[in-house]
Amino acid sequence: MRVPQSLNLQSPVSLPNLYKPWFHLMQLARVIGTVVATEKYTGLQGIKFLIVQPLSKTQAPAGDPVVAADATAQAGPGELVFIVGSREAAQALPETFVPVDHAIVGIVDDVDLAQGSRGAGEQG
């Protein structure tokens, strides 16, 4: 697995961006990598973990990449997905209330953004 140099999976430094009020909503993200874990918490066996880059409504990077459990079991590198965080992430998996912070809950086919609209948390 290749981890972007700016992504430190051991450090909580990237966490403050995740606790913005809008992060508990569904958010667009791009799958940028995979995670291989030979040992997992009970209830997470068979769940694929992917590295995703959260995106703004215009699909620009928004914050630091995060690791997300793939609740769709179909997402892969390069795909545009939507993610949820917090308790909603754990509830999206077959075994609920497992220790995950983010989950991929959909694969995006198309985005059509009305001109001049602003998303939650965006300024302009």
Protein backbone atom coordinates (compact mmCIF):
# COMPACT_ATOMS: atom_id res chain seq x y z
CA MET A 1 0.00 0.00 0.00
CA ARG A 2 1.24 3.46 -0.84
CA VAL A 3 0.25 6.08 1.71
CA PRO A 4 0.47 9.73 0.70
CA GLN A 5 3.34 11.36 2.57
CA SER A 6 0.99 13.93 4.08
CA LEU A 7 -1.16 11.15 5.59
CA ASN A 8 0.01 9.89 8.98
CA LEU A 9 -2.30 7.08 10.07
CA GLN A 10 -0.71 6.99 13.52
CA SER A 11 -1.24 10.66 14.39
CA PRO A 12 -4.45 12.35 15.54
CA VAL A 13 -3.23 15.64 14.04
CA SER A 14 -5.65 15.38 11.10
CA LEU A 15 -8.70 14.83 13.30
CA PRO A 16 -9.85 18.44 13.93
CA ASN A 17 -11.12 18.78 10.33
CA LEU A 18 -13.41 15.83 10.94
CA TYR A 19 -15.37 17.44 13.74
CA LYS A 20 -16.85 20.33 11.82
CA PRO A 21 -20.65 20.34 12.29
CA TRP A 22 -21.25 19.48 8.62
CA PHE A 23 -19.09 16.35 8.74
CA HIS A 24 -21.91 14.31 10.25
CA LEU A 25 -23.79 14.76 6.98
CA MET A 26 -23.04 12.73 3.89
CA GLN A 27 -19.98 14.10 2.13
CA LEU A 28 -18.41 13.46 -1.26
CA ALA A 29 -15.00 11.79 -1.23
CA ARG A 30 -12.60 10.21 -3.70
CA VAL A 31 -11.07 6.79 -2.97
CA ILE A 32 -7.30 7.31 -3.14
CA GLY A 33 -5.95 4.08 -1.66
CA THR A 34 -6.51 0.82 0.13
CA VAL A 35 -5.67 -0.48 3.59
CA VAL A 36 -4.64 -4.07 4.31
CA ALA A 37 -5.33 -5.26 7.86
CA THR A 38 -4.63 -8.86 8.80
CA GLU A 39 -6.15 -8.44 12.27
CA LYS A 40 -9.47 -6.67 12.80
CA TYR A 41 -11.86 -6.05 15.65
CA THR A 42 -14.64 -8.62 16.01
CA GLY A 43 -17.43 -7.63 13.64
CA LEU A 44 -15.10 -6.08 11.05
CA GLN A 45 -13.99 -9.33 9.41
CA GLY A 46 -14.65 -9.14 5.68
CA ILE A 47 -15.04 -5.35 5.69
CA LYS A 48 -12.79 -3.55 3.20
CA PHE A 49 -11.01 -0.39 4.36
CA LEU A 50 -10.15 2.38 1.90
CA ILE A 51 -8.35 5.71 2.15
CA VAL A 52 -10.65 8.50 0.98
CA GLN A 53 -10.07 12.19 0.35
CA PRO A 54 -13.08 14.24 1.50
CA LEU A 55 -14.20 16.73 -1.15
CA SER A 56 -16.07 20.01 -1.32
CA LYS A 57 -19.23 20.38 -3.39
CA THR A 58 -16.98 21.33 -6.33
CA GLN A 59 -14.95 18.16 -5.77
CA ALA A 60 -11.87 20.02 -4.51
CA PRO A 61 -9.98 18.35 -1.61
CA ALA A 62 -11.49 19.38 1.75
CA GLY A 63 -9.37 18.42 4.74
CA ASP A 64 -7.10 15.47 5.25
CA PRO A 65 -7.63 11.94 3.88
CA VAL A 66 -9.30 9.45 6.24
CA VAL A 67 -9.71 5.69 6.43
CA ALA A 68 -13.28 4.55 5.78
CA ALA A 69 -14.96 1.16 6.02
CA ASP A 70 -16.65 0.25 2.73
CA ALA A 71 -20.29 -0.46 3.60
CA THR A 72 -21.07 -0.91 -0.11
CA ALA A 73 -18.43 -3.65 -0.52
CA GLN A 74 -17.99 -2.35 -4.08
CA ALA A 75 -15.95 0.88 -3.95
CA GLY A 76 -12.44 0.99 -5.36
CA PRO A 77 -9.53 3.35 -6.03
CA GLY A 78 -10.42 6.40 -8.12
CA GLU A 79 -14.16 6.20 -7.49
CA LEU A 80 -16.28 9.09 -6.30
CA VAL A 81 -18.21 8.01 -3.20
CA PHE A 82 -20.18 9.52 -0.38
CA ILE A 83 -19.20 8.96 3.21
CA VAL A 84 -20.69 9.42 6.66
CA GLY A 85 -18.90 9.85 9.93
CA SER A 86 -19.40 9.27 13.62
CA ARG A 87 -22.06 6.85 14.88
CA GLU A 88 -23.76 6.79 11.47
CA ALA A 89 -20.61 5.15 10.05
CA ALA A 90 -20.84 2.23 12.47
CA GLN A 91 -24.56 1.82 11.83
CA ALA A 92 -23.97 1.52 8.08
CA LEU A 93 -22.08 -1.76 8.44
CA PRO A 94 -23.60 -5.26 8.67
CA GLU A 95 -22.46 -5.53 12.31
CA THR A 96 -23.60 -2.27 13.90
CA PHE A 97 -21.76 -0.37 16.62
CA VAL A 98 -18.29 -1.48 15.59
CA PRO A 99 -15.40 0.93 16.18
CA VAL A 100 -15.23 2.86 12.89
CA ASP A 101 -15.20 6.63 12.40
CA HIS A 102 -16.09 6.76 8.69
CA ALA A 103 -17.99 4.58 6.24
CA ILE A 104 -18.53 4.65 2.50
CA VAL A 105 -22.29 4.40 2.03
CA GLY A 106 -22.66 5.00 -1.69
CA ILE A 107 -20.90 5.15 -5.03
CA VAL A 108 -21.65 8.32 -6.99
CA ASP A 109 -22.60 8.00 -10.66
CA ASP A 110 -23.00 11.71 -11.44
CA VAL A 111 -22.97 15.11 -9.75
CA ASP A 112 -24.95 18.01 -11.19
CA LEU A 113 -24.44 21.19 -9.17
CA ALA A 114 -26.66 24.20 -9.87
CA GLN A 115 -24.59 27.25 -10.77
CA GLY A 116 -24.09 29.66 -7.88
CA SER A 117 -25.17 27.25 -5.13
CA ARG A 118 -23.10 26.78 -1.99
CA GLY A 119 -22.76 23.66 0.12
CA ALA A 120 -22.88 23.43 3.89
CA GLY A 121 -19.71 24.73 5.50
CA GLU A 122 -18.52 26.54 2.36
CA GLN A 123 -17.93 30.24 2.19
CA GLY A 124 -17.97 32.44 -0.79
